[in-house]
Amino acid sequence: MHPIVLLFVISLLHAYEARGSDTGTPVFVQKGKDLLLHVTAPVKLVERDIFAWKFKDSNIFRLFDDNKAIITDPYVGRVEIFRQNHSLLLKNVQQNDSGSYIAVVFGKNNNDVGKYSVTVQDPVSLVTGTVDLLSSSSDSCNLTVTCSTQDSHHIISTFRCDNTTCSQEEGGERSKVTTSGSSLRVYLSKNFSVICNHSNQVSSDEHTTMIRDFCFKHPGHEPPSNRNIAIGTVTVIVVLVIAAIAAAFVRHRKKGKHETEEMKNTVYETVQIQSLNPRVDQNPTDDAAAPSPSSIYSLIEAGSIKPTEAGDTTQPESLYAQVEKTALT
């Protein structure tokens, strides 16, 4: 560009800066996000015209009539200009990007084609709600809700609930503006819940508490109803009946087991007595011919029984069978 033309352009810029500018359209953007600003009128450049985006007293971007463009060094890599509509995209905004942004065409007549007052904000901190029960009865309760933020702001409000409705009492805090410019509010919704809301122009956080359910889940000193008493009585009776049936069943099983053991012992003792004592009604001649049970038992323990005569073929198994038969008779 010719030096004379450049001097003319610089003089126009200084004249515009001296004139100052009105506050533009408010724009809020969250820290770390991208900021997109549009022109509000068509941009047509004729000879010696210049289009520029300015931030406060600094140039961000300049476009000359010969289509040459210049981005100022601090914004190289941070801005993008859309040639088709001359919009400005500023990336990853920070707190120091807050301020006045102006799009202007310099020429015979300086025309503002966009004015913005940009505020960069941090996202709000989380909010929590805590409930303190003041009093309760069978049909109503009074409680307070405290809404607190992580940056140490809080408001307290009082509520009253009955079986059908809840209401916010007069005199408590309903909202406040924090030192960071955010808003902290507490209000009652239609479904008997209290909402703590922490918000600014770029973000919001909420915490909901069902206070009506809280009242009747935490009845305080409310006396038990007749229905609850009846349910408790029936429960105790059922438990006692079940315990009695179980005890009777255990006793019955123990008694049956004891009688079975006694019967087994009686049979066993009878068998032992009969096997150890010879029958008193045996034929004397038979006693003389056959060995006594004691003698047979001794022979069995000795390991073998030899025949007493050459023609006697009685085997030990047959003798043992006789012993068993005698014991069981």
C-alpha atoms as a PDB file:
ATOM      1  CA  MET A   1       0.000   0.000   0.000  1.00  0.00           C
ATOM      2  CA  HIS A   2       1.231   3.515  -0.835  1.00  0.00           C
ATOM      3  CA  PRO A   3       2.626   5.336   2.229  1.00  0.00           C
ATOM      4  CA  ILE A   4       0.266   8.255   1.719  1.00  0.00           C
ATOM      5  CA  VAL A   5      -2.734   5.932   1.710  1.00  0.00           C
ATOM      6  CA  LEU A   6      -1.468   4.172   4.811  1.00  0.00           C
ATOM      7  CA  LEU A   7      -1.115   7.485   6.638  1.00  0.00           C
ATOM      8  CA  PHE A   8      -4.653   8.348   5.613  1.00  0.00           C
ATOM      9  CA  VAL A   9      -5.946   5.089   6.996  1.00  0.00           C
ATOM     10  CA  ILE A  10      -4.102   5.543  10.273  1.00  0.00           C
ATOM     11  CA  SER A  11      -5.529   9.027  10.634  1.00  0.00           C
ATOM     12  CA  LEU A  12      -9.039   7.644  10.109  1.00  0.00           C
ATOM     13  CA  LEU A  13      -8.511   5.012  12.821  1.00  0.00           C
ATOM     14  CA  HIS A  14      -7.265   7.562  15.304  1.00  0.00           C
ATOM     15  CA  ALA A  15     -10.145   9.861  14.516  1.00  0.00           C
ATOM     16  CA  TYR A  16     -12.595   7.003  15.140  1.00  0.00           C
ATOM     17  CA  GLU A  17     -10.942   6.096  18.440  1.00  0.00           C
ATOM     18  CA  ALA A  18     -11.079   9.733  19.569  1.00  0.00           C
ATOM     19  CA  ARG A  19     -14.766   9.828  18.745  1.00  0.00           C
ATOM     20  CA  GLY A  20     -15.357   6.891  21.000  1.00  0.00           C
ATOM     21  CA  SER A  21     -18.201   4.406  20.708  1.00  0.00           C
ATOM     22  CA  ASP A  22     -21.431   3.608  22.410  1.00  0.00           C
ATOM     23  CA  THR A  23     -21.881   0.459  24.479  1.00  0.00           C
ATOM     24  CA  GLY A  24     -22.839  -2.366  22.178  1.00  0.00           C
ATOM     25  CA  THR A  25     -25.081  -5.414  22.473  1.00  0.00           C
ATOM     26  CA  PRO A  26     -24.316  -7.395  25.668  1.00  0.00           C
ATOM     27  CA  VAL A  27     -22.785 -10.808  25.006  1.00  0.00           C
ATOM     28  CA  PHE A  28     -21.834 -13.345  27.669  1.00  0.00           C
ATOM     29  CA  VAL A  29     -19.494 -16.229  27.018  1.00  0.00           C
ATOM     30  CA  GLN A  30     -18.138 -18.954  29.265  1.00  0.00           C
ATOM     31  CA  LYS A  31     -14.439 -18.990  29.939  1.00  0.00           C
ATOM     32  CA  GLY A  32     -12.635 -21.416  27.643  1.00  0.00           C
ATOM     33  CA  LYS A  33     -15.378 -21.379  24.987  1.00  0.00           C
ATOM     34  CA  ASP A  34     -15.289 -19.758  21.546  1.00  0.00           C
ATOM     35  CA  LEU A  35     -16.857 -16.353  20.830  1.00  0.00           C
ATOM     36  CA  LEU A  36     -18.619 -15.765  17.503  1.00  0.00           C
ATOM     37  CA  LEU A  37     -19.538 -12.181  16.536  1.00  0.00           C
ATOM     38  CA  HIS A  38     -21.493 -11.240  13.407  1.00  0.00           C
ATOM     39  CA  VAL A  39     -21.711  -7.988  11.492  1.00  0.00           C
ATOM     40  CA  THR A  40     -25.126  -6.317  11.571  1.00  0.00           C
ATOM     41  CA  ALA A  41     -24.980  -4.775   8.092  1.00  0.00           C
ATOM     42  CA  PRO A  42     -23.536  -5.766   4.709  1.00  0.00           C
ATOM     43  CA  VAL A  43     -19.895  -4.888   4.153  1.00  0.00           C
ATOM     44  CA  LYS A  44     -19.004  -3.436   0.723  1.00  0.00           C
ATOM     45  CA  LEU A  45     -15.546  -1.966   0.272  1.00  0.00           C
ATOM     46  CA  VAL A  46     -14.794   0.631  -2.384  1.00  0.00           C
ATOM     47  CA  GLU A  47     -11.489   2.294  -3.175  1.00  0.00           C
ATOM     48  CA  ARG A  48      -9.514   3.200  -0.069  1.00  0.00           C
ATOM     49  CA  ASP A  49     -12.114   1.578   2.271  1.00  0.00           C
ATOM     50  CA  ILE A  50     -10.970  -0.612   5.149  1.00  0.00           C
ATOM     51  CA  PHE A  51     -12.978  -3.088   7.162  1.00  0.00           C
ATOM     52  CA  ALA A  52     -11.748  -3.818  10.685  1.00  0.00           C
ATOM     53  CA  TRP A  53     -12.625  -5.712  13.853  1.00  0.00           C
ATOM     54  CA  LYS A  54     -11.401  -3.839  16.920  1.00  0.00           C
ATOM     55  CA  PHE A  55     -11.160  -4.778  20.592  1.00  0.00           C
ATOM     56  CA  LYS A  56     -11.092  -1.714  22.818  1.00  0.00           C
ATOM     57  CA  ASP A  57      -8.258   0.360  21.312  1.00  0.00           C
ATOM     58  CA  SER A  58      -6.526  -2.505  19.478  1.00  0.00           C
ATOM     59  CA  ASN A  59      -7.035  -3.880  15.990  1.00  0.00           C
ATOM     60  CA  ILE A  60      -7.816  -7.565  15.703  1.00  0.00           C
ATOM     61  CA  PHE A  61      -8.262  -7.785  11.956  1.00  0.00           C
ATOM     62  CA  ARG A  62      -8.126  -5.451   8.951  1.00  0.00           C
ATOM     63  CA  LEU A  63      -9.315  -6.063   5.401  1.00  0.00           C
ATOM     64  CA  PHE A  64      -8.332  -3.642   2.613  1.00  0.00           C
ATOM     65  CA  ASP A  65     -10.122  -2.847  -0.614  1.00  0.00           C
ATOM     66  CA  ASP A  66      -7.609  -4.926  -2.569  1.00  0.00           C
ATOM     67  CA  ASN A  67      -8.671  -7.973  -0.467  1.00  0.00           C
ATOM     68  CA  LYS A  68      -5.469  -7.959   1.554  1.00  0.00           C
ATOM     69  CA  ALA A  69      -6.016  -9.027   5.189  1.00  0.00           C
ATOM     70  CA  ILE A  70      -3.932  -8.490   8.308  1.00  0.00           C
ATOM     71  CA  ILE A  71      -4.369 -10.149  11.699  1.00  0.00           C
ATOM     72  CA  THR A  72      -2.631  -8.420  14.580  1.00  0.00           C
ATOM     73  CA  ASP A  73       0.101 -10.491  16.232  1.00  0.00           C
ATOM     74  CA  PRO A  74      -1.579 -11.186  19.630  1.00  0.00           C
ATOM     75  CA  TYR A  75      -4.513 -12.757  17.771  1.00  0.00           C
ATOM     76  CA  VAL A  76      -2.651 -14.836  15.227  1.00  0.00           C
ATOM     77  CA  GLY A  77      -3.889 -18.415  15.659  1.00  0.00           C
ATOM     78  CA  ARG A  78      -6.720 -17.287  17.957  1.00  0.00           C
ATOM     79  CA  VAL A  79      -9.096 -15.701  15.465  1.00  0.00           C
ATOM     80  CA  GLU A  80     -10.803 -16.805  12.295  1.00  0.00           C
ATOM     81  CA  ILE A  81     -12.487 -14.427   9.844  1.00  0.00           C
ATOM     82  CA  PHE A  82     -15.267 -15.681   7.579  1.00  0.00           C
ATOM     83  CA  ARG A  83     -14.786 -13.705   4.368  1.00  0.00           C
ATOM     84  CA  GLN A  84     -18.269 -14.465   3.051  1.00  0.00           C
ATOM     85  CA  ASN A  85     -20.007 -12.628   5.910  1.00  0.00           C
ATOM     86  CA  HIS A  86     -17.097 -10.923   7.754  1.00  0.00           C
ATOM     87  CA  SER A  87     -17.946 -12.643  11.077  1.00  0.00           C
ATOM     88  CA  LEU A  88     -15.278 -12.954  13.759  1.00  0.00           C
ATOM     89  CA  LEU A  89     -14.530 -16.160  15.687  1.00  0.00           C
ATOM     90  CA  LEU A  90     -12.343 -15.716  18.779  1.00  0.00           C
ATOM     91  CA  LYS A  91     -11.185 -19.020  20.242  1.00  0.00           C
ATOM     92  CA  ASN A  92     -10.665 -20.061  23.880  1.00  0.00           C
ATOM     93  CA  VAL A  93     -11.708 -16.777  25.454  1.00  0.00           C
ATOM     94  CA  GLN A  94     -10.318 -15.757  28.832  1.00  0.00           C
ATOM     95  CA  GLN A  95     -11.260 -13.151  31.422  1.00  0.00           C
ATOM     96  CA  ASN A  96      -9.068 -10.480  29.797  1.00  0.00           C
ATOM     97  CA  ASP A  97     -11.096 -10.864  26.574  1.00  0.00           C
ATOM     98  CA  SER A  98     -14.017  -9.076  28.224  1.00  0.00           C
ATOM     99  CA  GLY A  99     -14.683  -5.668  26.722  1.00  0.00           C
ATOM    100  CA  SER A 100     -15.967  -3.791  23.681  1.00  0.00           C
ATOM    101  CA  TYR A 101     -15.794  -5.336  20.199  1.00  0.00           C
ATOM    102  CA  ILE A 102     -16.577  -3.198  17.156  1.00  0.00           C
ATOM    103  CA  ALA A 103     -16.823  -3.971  13.438  1.00  0.00           C
ATOM    104  CA  VAL A 104     -16.402  -0.805  11.332  1.00  0.00           C
ATOM    105  CA  VAL A 105     -15.915   0.251   7.739  1.00  0.00           C
ATOM    106  CA  PHE A 106     -13.527   3.189   7.346  1.00  0.00           C
ATOM    107  CA  GLY A 107     -13.931   5.400   4.279  1.00  0.00           C
ATOM    108  CA  LYS A 108     -15.621   8.643   3.330  1.00  0.00           C
ATOM    109  CA  ASN A 109     -18.177   7.792   5.955  1.00  0.00           C
ATOM    110  CA  ASN A 110     -17.199   5.617   8.901  1.00  0.00           C
ATOM    111  CA  ASN A 111     -19.939   3.052   9.451  1.00  0.00           C
ATOM    112  CA  ASP A 112     -20.262   0.781  12.444  1.00  0.00           C
ATOM    113  CA  VAL A 113     -21.504  -2.609  11.320  1.00  0.00           C
ATOM    114  CA  GLY A 114     -21.347  -4.342  14.697  1.00  0.00           C
ATOM    115  CA  LYS A 115     -20.999  -3.363  18.365  1.00  0.00           C
ATOM    116  CA  TYR A 116     -20.760  -5.789  21.248  1.00  0.00           C
ATOM    117  CA  SER A 117     -20.032  -5.580  24.953  1.00  0.00           C
ATOM    118  CA  VAL A 118     -18.555  -8.971  25.810  1.00  0.00           C
ATOM    119  CA  THR A 119     -18.355 -10.425  29.309  1.00  0.00           C
ATOM    120  CA  VAL A 120     -16.402 -13.612  29.926  1.00  0.00           C
ATOM    121  CA  GLN A 121     -17.663 -15.582  32.938  1.00  0.00           C
ATOM    122  CA  ASP A 122     -16.578 -18.675  34.829  1.00  0.00           C
ATOM    123  CA  PRO A 123     -19.157 -21.458  35.166  1.00  0.00           C
ATOM    124  CA  VAL A 124     -21.034 -21.328  38.452  1.00  0.00           C
ATOM    125  CA  SER A 125     -20.040 -23.602  41.311  1.00  0.00           C
ATOM    126  CA  LEU A 126     -22.243 -26.511  42.403  1.00  0.00           C
ATOM    127  CA  VAL A 127     -25.144 -25.834  44.755  1.00  0.00           C
ATOM    128  CA  THR A 128     -26.551 -28.109  47.467  1.00  0.00           C
ATOM    129  CA  GLY A 129     -29.714 -28.014  49.566  1.00  0.00           C
ATOM    130  CA  THR A 130     -30.040 -29.148  53.194  1.00  0.00           C
ATOM    131  CA  VAL A 131     -33.281 -29.525  55.148  1.00  0.00           C
ATOM    132  CA  ASP A 132     -33.844 -28.946  58.867  1.00  0.00           C
ATOM    133  CA  LEU A 133     -37.150 -30.103  60.334  1.00  0.00           C
ATOM    134  CA  LEU A 134     -38.468 -27.509  62.808  1.00  0.00           C
ATOM    135  CA  SER A 135     -41.707 -29.195  63.906  1.00  0.00           C
ATOM    136  CA  SER A 136     -44.137 -31.844  62.705  1.00  0.00           C
ATOM    137  CA  SER A 137     -47.496 -33.379  63.522  1.00  0.00           C
ATOM    138  CA  SER A 138     -49.767 -35.965  61.957  1.00  0.00           C
ATOM    139  CA  ASP A 139     -51.017 -33.519  59.332  1.00  0.00           C
ATOM    140  CA  SER A 140     -48.355 -30.780  58.858  1.00  0.00           C
ATOM    141  CA  CYS A 141     -44.718 -29.809  59.307  1.00  0.00           C
ATOM    142  CA  ASN A 142     -42.442 -26.755  59.290  1.00  0.00           C
ATOM    143  CA  LEU A 143     -38.905 -26.850  57.946  1.00  0.00           C
ATOM    144  CA  THR A 144     -36.072 -24.699  56.639  1.00  0.00           C
ATOM    145  CA  VAL A 145     -34.077 -25.219  53.450  1.00  0.00           C
ATOM    146  CA  THR A 146     -30.524 -23.891  53.165  1.00  0.00           C
ATOM    147  CA  CYS A 147     -29.073 -23.485  49.671  1.00  0.00           C
ATOM    148  CA  SER A 148     -25.262 -23.350  49.703  1.00  0.00           C
ATOM    149  CA  THR A 149     -22.674 -22.933  46.932  1.00  0.00           C
ATOM    150  CA  GLN A 150     -19.108 -24.163  46.851  1.00  0.00           C
ATOM    151  CA  ASP A 151     -17.878 -20.583  46.886  1.00  0.00           C
ATOM    152  CA  SER A 152     -19.415 -20.026  50.341  1.00  0.00           C
ATOM    153  CA  HIS A 153     -22.695 -18.283  49.469  1.00  0.00           C
ATOM    154  CA  HIS A 154     -26.004 -19.383  50.978  1.00  0.00           C
ATOM    155  CA  ILE A 155     -29.633 -18.419  51.509  1.00  0.00           C
ATOM    156  CA  ILE A 156     -32.183 -19.817  53.975  1.00  0.00           C
ATOM    157  CA  SER A 157     -35.943 -20.054  53.479  1.00  0.00           C
ATOM    158  CA  THR A 158     -38.807 -21.545  55.539  1.00  0.00           C
ATOM    159  CA  PHE A 159     -41.575 -23.804  54.211  1.00  0.00           C
ATOM    160  CA  ARG A 160     -44.766 -25.330  55.593  1.00  0.00           C
ATOM    161  CA  CYS A 161     -46.414 -28.497  54.278  1.00  0.00           C
ATOM    162  CA  ASP A 162     -49.668 -30.324  55.038  1.00  0.00           C
ATOM    163  CA  ASN A 163     -51.227 -33.432  53.511  1.00  0.00           C
ATOM    164  CA  THR A 164     -52.072 -31.686  50.235  1.00  0.00           C
ATOM    165  CA  THR A 165     -49.978 -28.534  49.767  1.00  0.00           C
ATOM    166  CA  CYS A 166     -46.683 -26.810  50.595  1.00  0.00           C
ATOM    167  CA  SER A 167     -46.025 -23.089  50.800  1.00  0.00           C
ATOM    168  CA  GLN A 168     -43.032 -20.791  51.192  1.00  0.00           C
ATOM    169  CA  GLU A 169     -43.281 -18.665  54.306  1.00  0.00           C
ATOM    170  CA  GLU A 170     -42.798 -14.908  54.248  1.00  0.00           C
ATOM    171  CA  GLY A 171     -39.681 -13.391  55.731  1.00  0.00           C
ATOM    172  CA  GLY A 172     -37.125 -15.887  54.451  1.00  0.00           C
ATOM    173  CA  GLU A 173     -34.558 -15.284  51.742  1.00  0.00           C
ATOM    174  CA  ARG A 174     -35.666 -16.053  48.196  1.00  0.00           C
ATOM    175  CA  SER A 175     -32.712 -14.867  46.095  1.00  0.00           C
ATOM    176  CA  LYS A 176     -29.445 -12.971  46.227  1.00  0.00           C
ATOM    177  CA  VAL A 177     -26.664 -11.831  43.899  1.00  0.00           C
ATOM    178  CA  THR A 178     -23.242 -13.159  44.832  1.00  0.00           C
ATOM    179  CA  THR A 179     -19.968 -11.282  44.742  1.00  0.00           C
ATOM    180  CA  SER A 180     -19.062 -13.031  41.484  1.00  0.00           C
ATOM    181  CA  GLY A 181     -22.216 -11.731  39.826  1.00  0.00           C
ATOM    182  CA  SER A 182     -24.118 -15.021  39.866  1.00  0.00           C
ATOM    183  CA  SER A 183     -27.653 -15.434  41.200  1.00  0.00           C
ATOM    184  CA  LEU A 184     -28.659 -17.796  44.010  1.00  0.00           C
ATOM    185  CA  ARG A 185     -32.378 -18.574  44.310  1.00  0.00           C
ATOM    186  CA  VAL A 186     -34.654 -20.920  46.247  1.00  0.00           C
ATOM    187  CA  TYR A 187     -38.223 -21.585  45.223  1.00  0.00           C
ATOM    188  CA  LEU A 188     -41.052 -24.109  45.496  1.00  0.00           C
ATOM    189  CA  SER A 189     -42.055 -26.164  42.463  1.00  0.00           C
ATOM    190  CA  LYS A 190     -45.478 -27.616  41.693  1.00  0.00           C
ATOM    191  CA  ASN A 191     -44.636 -31.152  42.833  1.00  0.00           C
ATOM    192  CA  PHE A 192     -43.956 -30.115  46.459  1.00  0.00           C
ATOM    193  CA  SER A 193     -40.210 -29.940  45.978  1.00  0.00           C
ATOM    194  CA  VAL A 194     -37.803 -27.100  46.736  1.00  0.00           C
ATOM    195  CA  ILE A 195     -35.246 -26.111  44.093  1.00  0.00           C
ATOM    196  CA  CYS A 196     -31.936 -24.414  44.880  1.00  0.00           C
ATOM    197  CA  ASN A 197     -30.668 -22.680  41.730  1.00  0.00           C
ATOM    198  CA  HIS A 198     -27.226 -21.154  41.202  1.00  0.00           C
ATOM    199  CA  SER A 199     -26.791 -19.508  37.817  1.00  0.00           C
ATOM    200  CA  ASN A 200     -25.190 -16.775  35.779  1.00  0.00           C
ATOM    201  CA  GLN A 201     -25.546 -15.843  32.116  1.00  0.00           C
ATOM    202  CA  VAL A 202     -23.453 -18.778  30.861  1.00  0.00           C
ATOM    203  CA  SER A 203     -24.147 -21.714  33.216  1.00  0.00           C
ATOM    204  CA  SER A 204     -26.519 -23.039  35.832  1.00  0.00           C
ATOM    205  CA  ASP A 205     -26.691 -25.701  38.544  1.00  0.00           C
ATOM    206  CA  GLU A 206     -29.710 -26.950  40.527  1.00  0.00           C
ATOM    207  CA  HIS A 207     -30.445 -29.132  43.535  1.00  0.00           C
ATOM    208  CA  THR A 208     -33.954 -30.481  44.214  1.00  0.00           C
ATOM    209  CA  THR A 209     -35.350 -31.674  47.560  1.00  0.00           C
ATOM    210  CA  MET A 210     -38.759 -33.345  47.970  1.00  0.00           C
ATOM    211  CA  ILE A 211     -39.736 -31.573  51.190  1.00  0.00           C
ATOM    212  CA  ARG A 212     -43.265 -33.010  51.442  1.00  0.00           C
ATOM    213  CA  ASP A 213     -41.862 -36.555  51.383  1.00  0.00           C
ATOM    214  CA  PHE A 214     -39.203 -35.434  53.850  1.00  0.00           C
ATOM    215  CA  CYS A 215     -41.886 -34.292  56.287  1.00  0.00           C
ATOM    216  CA  PHE A 216     -43.767 -37.556  56.350  1.00  0.00           C
ATOM    217  CA  LYS A 217     -40.713 -39.793  56.160  1.00  0.00           C
ATOM    218  CA  HIS A 218     -39.321 -37.976  59.214  1.00  0.00           C
ATOM    219  CA  PRO A 219     -42.457 -37.440  61.367  1.00  0.00           C
ATOM    220  CA  GLY A 220     -40.588 -36.138  64.436  1.00  0.00           C
ATOM    221  CA  HIS A 221     -42.742 -36.553  67.550  1.00  0.00           C
ATOM    222  CA  GLU A 222     -45.854 -37.654  65.716  1.00  0.00           C
ATOM    223  CA  PRO A 223     -47.684 -40.340  67.783  1.00  0.00           C
ATOM    224  CA  PRO A 224     -48.199 -43.746  66.144  1.00  0.00           C
ATOM    225  CA  SER A 225     -51.561 -44.218  64.456  1.00  0.00           C
ATOM    226  CA  ASN A 226     -54.098 -46.925  65.422  1.00  0.00           C
ATOM    227  CA  ARG A 227     -53.402 -48.649  62.127  1.00  0.00           C
ATOM    228  CA  ASN A 228     -49.682 -48.891  62.913  1.00  0.00           C
ATOM    229  CA  ILE A 229     -50.472 -50.240  66.392  1.00  0.00           C
ATOM    230  CA  ALA A 230     -52.784 -52.924  64.941  1.00  0.00           C
ATOM    231  CA  ILE A 231     -50.178 -53.968  62.386  1.00  0.00           C
ATOM    232  CA  GLY A 232     -47.538 -54.249  65.122  1.00  0.00           C
ATOM    233  CA  THR A 233     -49.836 -56.358  67.340  1.00  0.00           C
ATOM    234  CA  VAL A 234     -50.692 -58.792  64.537  1.00  0.00           C
ATOM    235  CA  THR A 235     -47.015 -59.130  63.675  1.00  0.00           C
ATOM    236  CA  VAL A 236     -46.101 -60.047  67.254  1.00  0.00           C
ATOM    237  CA  ILE A 237     -48.899 -62.653  67.458  1.00  0.00           C
ATOM    238  CA  VAL A 238     -47.831 -64.284  64.193  1.00  0.00           C
ATOM    239  CA  VAL A 239     -44.228 -64.486  65.372  1.00  0.00           C
ATOM    240  CA  LEU A 240     -45.259 -66.095  68.674  1.00  0.00           C
ATOM    241  CA  VAL A 241     -47.479 -68.694  66.931  1.00  0.00           C
ATOM    242  CA  ILE A 242     -44.681 -69.651  64.547  1.00  0.00           C
ATOM    243  CA  ALA A 243     -42.244 -69.985  67.457  1.00  0.00           C
ATOM    244  CA  ALA A 244     -44.683 -72.243  69.381  1.00  0.00           C
ATOM    245  CA  ILE A 245     -45.226 -74.512  66.358  1.00  0.00           C
ATOM    246  CA  ALA A 246     -41.479 -74.786  65.802  1.00  0.00           C
ATOM    247  CA  ALA A 247     -40.867 -75.700  69.465  1.00  0.00           C
ATOM    248  CA  ALA A 248     -43.591 -78.364  69.390  1.00  0.00           C
ATOM    249  CA  PHE A 249     -42.154 -79.870  66.236  1.00  0.00           C
ATOM    250  CA  VAL A 250     -38.654 -80.044  67.780  1.00  0.00           C
ATOM    251  CA  ARG A 251     -40.001 -81.707  70.955  1.00  0.00           C
ATOM    252  CA  HIS A 252     -41.950 -84.240  68.875  1.00  0.00           C
ATOM    253  CA  ARG A 253     -38.868 -85.176  66.885  1.00  0.00           C
ATOM    254  CA  LYS A 254     -36.764 -85.559  70.018  1.00  0.00           C
ATOM    255  CA  LYS A 255     -39.438 -87.750  71.663  1.00  0.00           C
ATOM    256  CA  GLY A 256     -39.734 -90.045  68.613  1.00  0.00           C
ATOM    257  CA  LYS A 257     -35.970 -90.394  68.407  1.00  0.00           C
ATOM    258  CA  HIS A 258     -35.768 -91.263  72.121  1.00  0.00           C
ATOM    259  CA  GLU A 259     -38.478 -93.944  71.835  1.00  0.00           C
ATOM    260  CA  THR A 260     -36.735 -95.467  68.812  1.00  0.00           C
ATOM    261  CA  GLU A 261     -33.435 -95.646  70.695  1.00  0.00           C
ATOM    262  CA  GLU A 262     -35.138 -97.306  73.679  1.00  0.00           C
ATOM    263  CA  MET A 263     -36.741 -99.914  71.413  1.00  0.00           C
ATOM    264  CA  LYS A 264     -33.399-100.668  69.755  1.00  0.00           C
ATOM    265  CA  ASN A 265     -31.685-101.028  73.128  1.00  0.00           C
ATOM    266  CA  THR A 266     -34.427-103.374  74.409  1.00  0.00           C
ATOM    267  CA  VAL A 267     -34.170-105.686  71.380  1.00  0.00           C
ATOM    268  CA  TYR A 268     -30.396-105.674  71.563  1.00  0.00           C
ATOM    269  CA  GLU A 269     -30.373-106.555  75.251  1.00  0.00           C
ATOM    270  CA  THR A 270     -32.878-109.399  74.667  1.00  0.00           C
ATOM    271  CA  VAL A 271     -30.725-110.837  71.909  1.00  0.00           C
ATOM    272  CA  GLN A 272     -27.628-110.602  74.098  1.00  0.00           C
ATOM    273  CA  ILE A 273     -29.347-112.332  77.031  1.00  0.00           C
ATOM    274  CA  GLN A 274     -30.687-115.150  74.877  1.00  0.00           C
ATOM    275  CA  SER A 275     -27.359-115.658  73.117  1.00  0.00           C
ATOM    276  CA  LEU A 276     -25.373-115.839  76.378  1.00  0.00           C
ATOM    277  CA  ASN A 277     -27.739-118.176  78.311  1.00  0.00           C
ATOM    278  CA  PRO A 278     -28.677-121.728  77.156  1.00  0.00           C
ATOM    279  CA  ARG A 279     -32.387-122.508  76.821  1.00  0.00           C
ATOM    280  CA  VAL A 280     -33.726-124.153  79.978  1.00  0.00           C
ATOM    281  CA  ASP A 281     -36.175-126.345  78.116  1.00  0.00           C
ATOM    282  CA  GLN A 282     -33.611-128.131  75.973  1.00  0.00           C
ATOM    283  CA  ASN A 283     -33.677-131.931  75.913  1.00  0.00           C
ATOM    284  CA  PRO A 284     -30.987-133.320  78.256  1.00  0.00           C
ATOM    285  CA  THR A 285     -29.946-135.827  75.680  1.00  0.00           C
ATOM    286  CA  ASP A 286     -29.456-133.103  73.151  1.00  0.00           C
ATOM    287  CA  ASP A 287     -27.324-131.161  75.644  1.00  0.00           C
ATOM    288  CA  ALA A 288     -25.079-134.112  76.080  1.00  0.00           C
ATOM    289  CA  ALA A 289     -24.689-134.669  72.371  1.00  0.00           C
ATOM    290  CA  ALA A 290     -24.045-131.084  71.283  1.00  0.00           C
ATOM    291  CA  PRO A 291     -21.568-128.594  72.574  1.00  0.00           C
ATOM    292  CA  SER A 292     -22.876-125.753  74.668  1.00  0.00           C
ATOM    293  CA  PRO A 293     -23.155-122.283  73.110  1.00  0.00           C
ATOM    294  CA  SER A 294     -20.216-121.165  75.230  1.00  0.00           C
ATOM    295  CA  SER A 295     -18.076-123.986  73.867  1.00  0.00           C
ATOM    296  CA  ILE A 296     -19.131-123.240  70.286  1.00  0.00           C
ATOM    297  CA  TYR A 297     -18.373-119.536  70.747  1.00  0.00           C
ATOM    298  CA  SER A 298     -14.919-120.490  72.107  1.00  0.00           C
ATOM    299  CA  LEU A 299     -14.288-122.754  69.159  1.00  0.00           C
ATOM    300  CA  ILE A 300     -15.342-119.998  66.736  1.00  0.00           C
ATOM    301  CA  GLU A 301     -12.961-117.525  68.409  1.00  0.00           C
ATOM    302  CA  ALA A 302     -10.168-120.072  68.129  1.00  0.00           C
ATOM    303  CA  GLY A 303     -10.516-119.768  64.357  1.00  0.00           C
ATOM    304  CA  SER A 304     -11.736-123.292  63.447  1.00  0.00           C
ATOM    305  CA  ILE A 305     -13.850-126.233  64.675  1.00  0.00           C
ATOM    306  CA  LYS A 306     -12.596-129.728  64.056  1.00  0.00           C
ATOM    307  CA  PRO A 307     -15.057-132.617  63.714  1.00  0.00           C
ATOM    308  CA  THR A 308     -15.276-134.844  66.838  1.00  0.00           C
ATOM    309  CA  GLU A 309     -15.874-137.989  64.844  1.00  0.00           C
ATOM    310  CA  ALA A 310     -14.709-139.321  61.513  1.00  0.00           C
ATOM    311  CA  GLY A 311     -18.217-139.267  60.088  1.00  0.00           C
ATOM    312  CA  ASP A 312     -19.075-135.840  61.401  1.00  0.00           C
ATOM    313  CA  THR A 313     -19.059-133.400  58.438  1.00  0.00           C
ATOM    314  CA  THR A 314     -20.503-130.396  60.248  1.00  0.00           C
ATOM    315  CA  GLN A 315     -18.753-127.242  58.946  1.00  0.00           C
ATOM    316  CA  PRO A 316     -17.960-124.109  60.977  1.00  0.00           C
ATOM    317  CA  GLU A 317     -20.437-122.151  58.900  1.00  0.00           C
ATOM    318  CA  SER A 318     -23.241-124.539  59.920  1.00  0.00           C
ATOM    319  CA  LEU A 319     -22.301-124.237  63.568  1.00  0.00           C
ATOM    320  CA  TYR A 320     -22.240-120.429  63.308  1.00  0.00           C
ATOM    321  CA  ALA A 321     -25.661-120.591  61.667  1.00  0.00           C
ATOM    322  CA  GLN A 322     -26.857-122.640  64.640  1.00  0.00           C
ATOM    323  CA  VAL A 323     -25.491-120.007  67.005  1.00  0.00           C
ATOM    324  CA  GLU A 324     -27.331-117.261  65.101  1.00  0.00           C
ATOM    325  CA  LYS A 325     -30.531-119.326  65.052  1.00  0.00           C
ATOM    326  CA  THR A 326     -30.257-119.993  68.755  1.00  0.00           C
ATOM    327  CA  ALA A 327     -29.658-116.306  69.471  1.00  0.00           C
ATOM    328  CA  LEU A 328     -32.649-115.223  67.453  1.00  0.00           C
ATOM    329  CA  THR A 329     -35.065-117.918  68.767  1.00  0.00           C
END
